[in-house]
Amino acid sequence: MRAYHHRGLLKVHLELILALEQAISKIDATVGKTLAPIHESARLLTTLPGVSQVTAQVLVAEIGVDMARFPSAAHLVSWTGLCPRSDESAGKRRSTRVRKGATWLKTALVTAAWAAVRVKNSYLQSQFHRLRSRRGAKKAILAVAASMITAAYHMLKNHVPYHDLGADHFTRRDRSKTIKRLVRRLNDLGCQVQLELTS
């Protein structure tokens, strides 16, 4: 009689376990579908230099995946706390300290920025070296972090992986600006200029 009783209880327990496992499977499937966009966004962010899977998850957790809540990339940079405060008096800027923002996000971005500037022949490394000579390493790394969150904004908004502008981006940009400035100056002096590119 006792063995029959135990067998009956065991059967009830096994049926209960099976029902719970089926319920968990259904919940996992539902949650998996719900989290798919988040996993895809985190995967996209790992294409940014210096951004690991963990950092990508922190970014997604802090800023979300819907960039419609930020009118522009500049708004996200400001919300993150990576842009200088507006501290001017009589036309003179008294402080260039960055404003307070999302502490965890800023820490994760600065850590990722230090990893990113070690990637050779990259836009971010070039930006860091360009700014470090004028403003120091701390300000330069904050600028790199701001560039990274700007890139993340466009990546999440347009659902595209990171595209590096290249280490020579600033050289190309400065050359183009110089050419336009000189052509404009010659036109102002009454000269007509026809440009012909060499190499």
C-alpha atoms as a PDB file:
ATOM      1  CA  MET A   1       0.000   0.000   0.000  1.00  0.00           C
ATOM      2  CA  ARG A   2       2.817   2.390   0.933  1.00  0.00           C
ATOM      3  CA  ALA A   3       4.746   1.686  -2.362  1.00  0.00           C
ATOM      4  CA  TYR A   4       1.580   2.375  -4.384  1.00  0.00           C
ATOM      5  CA  HIS A   5       1.118   5.666  -2.512  1.00  0.00           C
ATOM      6  CA  HIS A   6       4.746   6.719  -3.236  1.00  0.00           C
ATOM      7  CA  ARG A   7       4.387   5.779  -6.906  1.00  0.00           C
ATOM      8  CA  GLY A   8       1.256   7.920  -7.138  1.00  0.00           C
ATOM      9  CA  LEU A   9       2.988  10.919  -5.533  1.00  0.00           C
ATOM     10  CA  LEU A  10       6.024  10.471  -7.794  1.00  0.00           C
ATOM     11  CA  LYS A  11       3.775  10.428 -10.867  1.00  0.00           C
ATOM     12  CA  VAL A  12       2.079  13.659  -9.736  1.00  0.00           C
ATOM     13  CA  HIS A  13       5.470  15.307  -9.177  1.00  0.00           C
ATOM     14  CA  LEU A  14       6.806  14.215 -12.584  1.00  0.00           C
ATOM     15  CA  GLU A  15       3.679  15.513 -14.317  1.00  0.00           C
ATOM     16  CA  LEU A  16       4.046  18.801 -12.465  1.00  0.00           C
ATOM     17  CA  ILE A  17       7.728  19.093 -13.469  1.00  0.00           C
ATOM     18  CA  LEU A  18       6.845  18.341 -17.105  1.00  0.00           C
ATOM     19  CA  ALA A  19       4.084  20.987 -17.093  1.00  0.00           C
ATOM     20  CA  LEU A  20       6.485  23.550 -15.584  1.00  0.00           C
ATOM     21  CA  GLU A  21       9.190  22.743 -18.170  1.00  0.00           C
ATOM     22  CA  GLN A  22       6.669  23.239 -20.992  1.00  0.00           C
ATOM     23  CA  ALA A  23       5.551  26.559 -19.480  1.00  0.00           C
ATOM     24  CA  ILE A  24       9.194  27.697 -19.171  1.00  0.00           C
ATOM     25  CA  SER A  25       9.840  26.746 -22.816  1.00  0.00           C
ATOM     26  CA  LYS A  26       6.842  28.829 -23.939  1.00  0.00           C
ATOM     27  CA  ILE A  27       7.972  31.792 -21.839  1.00  0.00           C
ATOM     28  CA  ASP A  28      11.560  31.484 -23.174  1.00  0.00           C
ATOM     29  CA  ALA A  29      10.243  31.483 -26.753  1.00  0.00           C
ATOM     30  CA  THR A  30       8.107  34.583 -26.095  1.00  0.00           C
ATOM     31  CA  VAL A  31      10.901  36.426 -24.288  1.00  0.00           C
ATOM     32  CA  GLY A  32      13.365  35.398 -27.005  1.00  0.00           C
ATOM     33  CA  LYS A  33      11.178  37.027 -29.675  1.00  0.00           C
ATOM     34  CA  THR A  34      10.772  40.154 -27.556  1.00  0.00           C
ATOM     35  CA  LEU A  35      14.522  40.439 -26.899  1.00  0.00           C
ATOM     36  CA  ALA A  36      15.565  39.751 -30.522  1.00  0.00           C
ATOM     37  CA  PRO A  37      15.787  43.481 -31.448  1.00  0.00           C
ATOM     38  CA  ILE A  38      17.850  44.136 -28.311  1.00  0.00           C
ATOM     39  CA  HIS A  39      20.269  41.288 -29.098  1.00  0.00           C
ATOM     40  CA  GLU A  40      20.596  42.540 -32.691  1.00  0.00           C
ATOM     41  CA  SER A  41      21.297  46.092 -31.502  1.00  0.00           C
ATOM     42  CA  ALA A  42      23.950  44.852 -29.049  1.00  0.00           C
ATOM     43  CA  ARG A  43      25.535  42.802 -31.854  1.00  0.00           C
ATOM     44  CA  LEU A  44      25.634  45.909 -34.089  1.00  0.00           C
ATOM     45  CA  LEU A  45      27.342  47.937 -31.345  1.00  0.00           C
ATOM     46  CA  THR A  46      30.135  45.347 -31.029  1.00  0.00           C
ATOM     47  CA  THR A  47      31.279  46.415 -34.527  1.00  0.00           C
ATOM     48  CA  LEU A  48      32.462  49.668 -32.897  1.00  0.00           C
ATOM     49  CA  PRO A  49      36.194  49.487 -32.033  1.00  0.00           C
ATOM     50  CA  GLY A  50      36.714  48.938 -28.297  1.00  0.00           C
ATOM     51  CA  VAL A  51      33.120  47.831 -27.626  1.00  0.00           C
ATOM     52  CA  SER A  52      32.885  44.341 -26.125  1.00  0.00           C
ATOM     53  CA  GLN A  53      29.696  42.308 -25.714  1.00  0.00           C
ATOM     54  CA  VAL A  54      29.404  43.489 -22.099  1.00  0.00           C
ATOM     55  CA  THR A  55      29.907  47.160 -23.056  1.00  0.00           C
ATOM     56  CA  ALA A  56      27.334  46.801 -25.838  1.00  0.00           C
ATOM     57  CA  GLN A  57      24.835  45.420 -23.331  1.00  0.00           C
ATOM     58  CA  VAL A  58      25.521  48.356 -20.979  1.00  0.00           C
ATOM     59  CA  LEU A  59      24.940  50.804 -23.847  1.00  0.00           C
ATOM     60  CA  VAL A  60      21.662  49.142 -24.831  1.00  0.00           C
ATOM     61  CA  ALA A  61      20.535  48.982 -21.187  1.00  0.00           C
ATOM     62  CA  GLU A  62      21.305  52.678 -20.639  1.00  0.00           C
ATOM     63  CA  ILE A  63      20.145  54.307 -23.906  1.00  0.00           C
ATOM     64  CA  GLY A  64      17.702  51.707 -25.255  1.00  0.00           C
ATOM     65  CA  VAL A  65      17.349  50.750 -28.911  1.00  0.00           C
ATOM     66  CA  ASP A  66      14.791  53.358 -30.041  1.00  0.00           C
ATOM     67  CA  MET A  67      16.680  56.519 -30.958  1.00  0.00           C
ATOM     68  CA  ALA A  68      13.446  58.422 -31.681  1.00  0.00           C
ATOM     69  CA  ARG A  69      13.503  59.711 -28.086  1.00  0.00           C
ATOM     70  CA  PHE A  70      16.650  61.709 -28.902  1.00  0.00           C
ATOM     71  CA  PRO A  71      16.011  64.428 -31.547  1.00  0.00           C
ATOM     72  CA  SER A  72      19.646  64.225 -32.669  1.00  0.00           C
ATOM     73  CA  ALA A  73      22.992  62.633 -31.874  1.00  0.00           C
ATOM     74  CA  ALA A  74      23.990  65.862 -30.082  1.00  0.00           C
ATOM     75  CA  HIS A  75      21.076  65.412 -27.662  1.00  0.00           C
ATOM     76  CA  LEU A  76      22.296  61.901 -26.820  1.00  0.00           C
ATOM     77  CA  VAL A  77      25.875  63.156 -26.309  1.00  0.00           C
ATOM     78  CA  SER A  78      24.531  65.866 -23.983  1.00  0.00           C
ATOM     79  CA  TRP A  79      22.313  63.382 -22.086  1.00  0.00           C
ATOM     80  CA  THR A  80      25.336  61.091 -21.670  1.00  0.00           C
ATOM     81  CA  GLY A  81      27.294  63.987 -20.140  1.00  0.00           C
ATOM     82  CA  LEU A  82      30.113  64.008 -22.673  1.00  0.00           C
ATOM     83  CA  CYS A  83      29.827  67.597 -23.861  1.00  0.00           C
ATOM     84  CA  PRO A  84      31.261  70.677 -22.092  1.00  0.00           C
ATOM     85  CA  ARG A  85      29.006  72.719 -19.837  1.00  0.00           C
ATOM     86  CA  SER A  86      27.905  76.111 -21.079  1.00  0.00           C
ATOM     87  CA  ASP A  87      29.806  78.230 -18.565  1.00  0.00           C
ATOM     88  CA  GLU A  88      30.425  81.632 -20.151  1.00  0.00           C
ATOM     89  CA  SER A  89      30.591  85.101 -18.726  1.00  0.00           C
ATOM     90  CA  ALA A  90      31.120  88.265 -20.788  1.00  0.00           C
ATOM     91  CA  GLY A  91      31.958  86.153 -23.832  1.00  0.00           C
ATOM     92  CA  LYS A  92      34.691  84.238 -22.007  1.00  0.00           C
ATOM     93  CA  ARG A  93      34.434  80.522 -21.362  1.00  0.00           C
ATOM     94  CA  ARG A  94      35.242  79.945 -17.712  1.00  0.00           C
ATOM     95  CA  SER A  95      35.109  76.135 -17.684  1.00  0.00           C
ATOM     96  CA  THR A  96      35.299  73.302 -20.186  1.00  0.00           C
ATOM     97  CA  ARG A  97      34.395  70.586 -17.691  1.00  0.00           C
ATOM     98  CA  VAL A  98      31.907  68.059 -18.980  1.00  0.00           C
ATOM     99  CA  ARG A  99      28.427  68.127 -17.482  1.00  0.00           C
ATOM    100  CA  LYS A 100      27.027  65.449 -15.221  1.00  0.00           C
ATOM    101  CA  GLY A 101      25.289  62.603 -16.988  1.00  0.00           C
ATOM    102  CA  ALA A 102      24.640  58.877 -16.885  1.00  0.00           C
ATOM    103  CA  THR A 103      27.546  57.718 -14.703  1.00  0.00           C
ATOM    104  CA  TRP A 104      27.543  54.028 -15.710  1.00  0.00           C
ATOM    105  CA  LEU A 105      27.223  54.879 -19.390  1.00  0.00           C
ATOM    106  CA  LYS A 106      29.988  57.476 -19.312  1.00  0.00           C
ATOM    107  CA  THR A 107      32.338  55.083 -17.483  1.00  0.00           C
ATOM    108  CA  ALA A 108      31.633  52.290 -19.982  1.00  0.00           C
ATOM    109  CA  LEU A 109      32.193  54.640 -22.935  1.00  0.00           C
ATOM    110  CA  VAL A 110      35.475  56.044 -21.599  1.00  0.00           C
ATOM    111  CA  THR A 111      36.752  52.503 -20.942  1.00  0.00           C
ATOM    112  CA  ALA A 112      35.750  51.494 -24.472  1.00  0.00           C
ATOM    113  CA  ALA A 113      37.388  54.647 -25.860  1.00  0.00           C
ATOM    114  CA  TRP A 114      40.748  53.720 -24.311  1.00  0.00           C
ATOM    115  CA  ALA A 115      40.492  50.319 -26.045  1.00  0.00           C
ATOM    116  CA  ALA A 116      39.386  51.934 -29.325  1.00  0.00           C
ATOM    117  CA  VAL A 117      42.362  54.307 -29.578  1.00  0.00           C
ATOM    118  CA  ARG A 118      44.682  51.285 -29.590  1.00  0.00           C
ATOM    119  CA  VAL A 119      43.212  50.115 -32.928  1.00  0.00           C
ATOM    120  CA  LYS A 120      45.830  51.085 -35.497  1.00  0.00           C
ATOM    121  CA  ASN A 121      45.020  53.174 -38.574  1.00  0.00           C
ATOM    122  CA  SER A 122      41.546  54.024 -37.329  1.00  0.00           C
ATOM    123  CA  TYR A 123      39.586  57.272 -37.243  1.00  0.00           C
ATOM    124  CA  LEU A 124      39.262  57.146 -33.447  1.00  0.00           C
ATOM    125  CA  GLN A 125      43.012  56.689 -32.921  1.00  0.00           C
ATOM    126  CA  SER A 126      43.697  59.560 -35.307  1.00  0.00           C
ATOM    127  CA  GLN A 127      41.186  61.779 -33.496  1.00  0.00           C
ATOM    128  CA  PHE A 128      42.747  60.973 -30.123  1.00  0.00           C
ATOM    129  CA  HIS A 129      46.321  61.811 -31.221  1.00  0.00           C
ATOM    130  CA  ARG A 130      45.147  64.982 -32.968  1.00  0.00           C
ATOM    131  CA  LEU A 131      43.376  66.290 -29.846  1.00  0.00           C
ATOM    132  CA  ARG A 132      45.834  65.036 -27.237  1.00  0.00           C
ATOM    133  CA  SER A 133      48.596  67.338 -28.478  1.00  0.00           C
ATOM    134  CA  ARG A 134      46.357  70.410 -28.003  1.00  0.00           C
ATOM    135  CA  ARG A 135      44.022  69.558 -25.125  1.00  0.00           C
ATOM    136  CA  GLY A 136      45.613  66.689 -23.207  1.00  0.00           C
ATOM    137  CA  ALA A 137      44.801  62.991 -22.952  1.00  0.00           C
ATOM    138  CA  LYS A 138      41.746  63.302 -20.666  1.00  0.00           C
ATOM    139  CA  LYS A 139      39.899  65.775 -22.890  1.00  0.00           C
ATOM    140  CA  ALA A 140      40.938  63.813 -25.980  1.00  0.00           C
ATOM    141  CA  ILE A 141      39.556  60.521 -24.622  1.00  0.00           C
ATOM    142  CA  LEU A 142      36.259  62.223 -23.719  1.00  0.00           C
ATOM    143  CA  ALA A 143      36.042  63.514 -27.302  1.00  0.00           C
ATOM    144  CA  VAL A 144      36.635  59.970 -28.598  1.00  0.00           C
ATOM    145  CA  ALA A 145      33.912  58.658 -26.264  1.00  0.00           C
ATOM    146  CA  ALA A 146      31.563  61.365 -27.609  1.00  0.00           C
ATOM    147  CA  SER A 147      32.378  60.280 -31.172  1.00  0.00           C
ATOM    148  CA  MET A 148      31.622  56.685 -30.215  1.00  0.00           C
ATOM    149  CA  ILE A 149      28.193  57.497 -28.735  1.00  0.00           C
ATOM    150  CA  THR A 150      27.463  59.622 -31.825  1.00  0.00           C
ATOM    151  CA  ALA A 151      28.330  56.649 -34.027  1.00  0.00           C
ATOM    152  CA  ALA A 152      26.203  54.376 -31.807  1.00  0.00           C
ATOM    153  CA  TYR A 153      23.246  56.754 -32.260  1.00  0.00           C
ATOM    154  CA  HIS A 154      23.430  56.535 -36.066  1.00  0.00           C
ATOM    155  CA  MET A 155      24.074  52.782 -35.987  1.00  0.00           C
ATOM    156  CA  LEU A 156      20.995  52.117 -33.847  1.00  0.00           C
ATOM    157  CA  LYS A 157      18.838  54.624 -35.717  1.00  0.00           C
ATOM    158  CA  ASN A 158      19.695  53.271 -39.185  1.00  0.00           C
ATOM    159  CA  HIS A 159      20.386  49.626 -38.162  1.00  0.00           C
ATOM    160  CA  VAL A 160      23.847  49.600 -39.757  1.00  0.00           C
ATOM    161  CA  PRO A 161      27.246  48.346 -38.520  1.00  0.00           C
ATOM    162  CA  TYR A 162      30.117  50.729 -37.766  1.00  0.00           C
ATOM    163  CA  HIS A 163      31.978  52.197 -40.738  1.00  0.00           C
ATOM    164  CA  ASP A 164      35.434  53.610 -39.977  1.00  0.00           C
ATOM    165  CA  LEU A 165      36.229  56.931 -41.689  1.00  0.00           C
ATOM    166  CA  GLY A 166      39.925  56.023 -41.795  1.00  0.00           C
ATOM    167  CA  ALA A 167      43.059  57.427 -40.183  1.00  0.00           C
ATOM    168  CA  ASP A 168      43.489  59.959 -43.008  1.00  0.00           C
ATOM    169  CA  HIS A 169      40.001  61.468 -42.570  1.00  0.00           C
ATOM    170  CA  PHE A 170      41.263  64.676 -40.952  1.00  0.00           C
ATOM    171  CA  THR A 171      44.000  65.124 -43.577  1.00  0.00           C
ATOM    172  CA  ARG A 172      41.441  64.727 -46.381  1.00  0.00           C
ATOM    173  CA  ARG A 173      38.977  67.052 -44.655  1.00  0.00           C
ATOM    174  CA  ASP A 174      41.596  69.735 -43.947  1.00  0.00           C
ATOM    175  CA  ARG A 175      42.874  69.555 -47.545  1.00  0.00           C
ATOM    176  CA  SER A 176      39.355  69.976 -48.913  1.00  0.00           C
ATOM    177  CA  LYS A 177      38.657  72.908 -46.575  1.00  0.00           C
ATOM    178  CA  THR A 178      41.936  74.607 -47.547  1.00  0.00           C
ATOM    179  CA  ILE A 179      41.170  74.231 -51.266  1.00  0.00           C
ATOM    180  CA  LYS A 180      37.660  75.706 -50.847  1.00  0.00           C
ATOM    181  CA  ARG A 181      38.999  78.606 -48.778  1.00  0.00           C
ATOM    182  CA  LEU A 182      41.709  79.450 -51.341  1.00  0.00           C
ATOM    183  CA  VAL A 183      39.294  79.203 -54.293  1.00  0.00           C
ATOM    184  CA  ARG A 184      36.834  81.487 -52.483  1.00  0.00           C
ATOM    185  CA  ARG A 185      39.654  83.977 -51.785  1.00  0.00           C
ATOM    186  CA  LEU A 186      40.774  83.975 -55.452  1.00  0.00           C
ATOM    187  CA  ASN A 187      37.171  84.489 -56.591  1.00  0.00           C
ATOM    188  CA  ASP A 188      36.901  87.443 -54.201  1.00  0.00           C
ATOM    189  CA  LEU A 189      40.027  88.900 -55.835  1.00  0.00           C
ATOM    190  CA  GLY A 190      38.392  88.649 -59.267  1.00  0.00           C
ATOM    191  CA  CYS A 191      40.144  85.501 -60.501  1.00  0.00           C
ATOM    192  CA  GLN A 192      38.289  82.670 -62.152  1.00  0.00           C
ATOM    193  CA  VAL A 193      39.635  79.344 -60.981  1.00  0.00           C
ATOM    194  CA  GLN A 194      39.217  75.973 -62.631  1.00  0.00           C
ATOM    195  CA  LEU A 195      40.251  73.088 -60.419  1.00  0.00           C
ATOM    196  CA  GLU A 196      42.111  70.103 -61.747  1.00  0.00           C
ATOM    197  CA  LEU A 197      42.915  67.297 -59.328  1.00  0.00           C
ATOM    198  CA  THR A 198      46.348  65.706 -59.490  1.00  0.00           C
ATOM    199  CA  SER A 199      46.918  62.353 -57.786  1.00  0.00           C
END
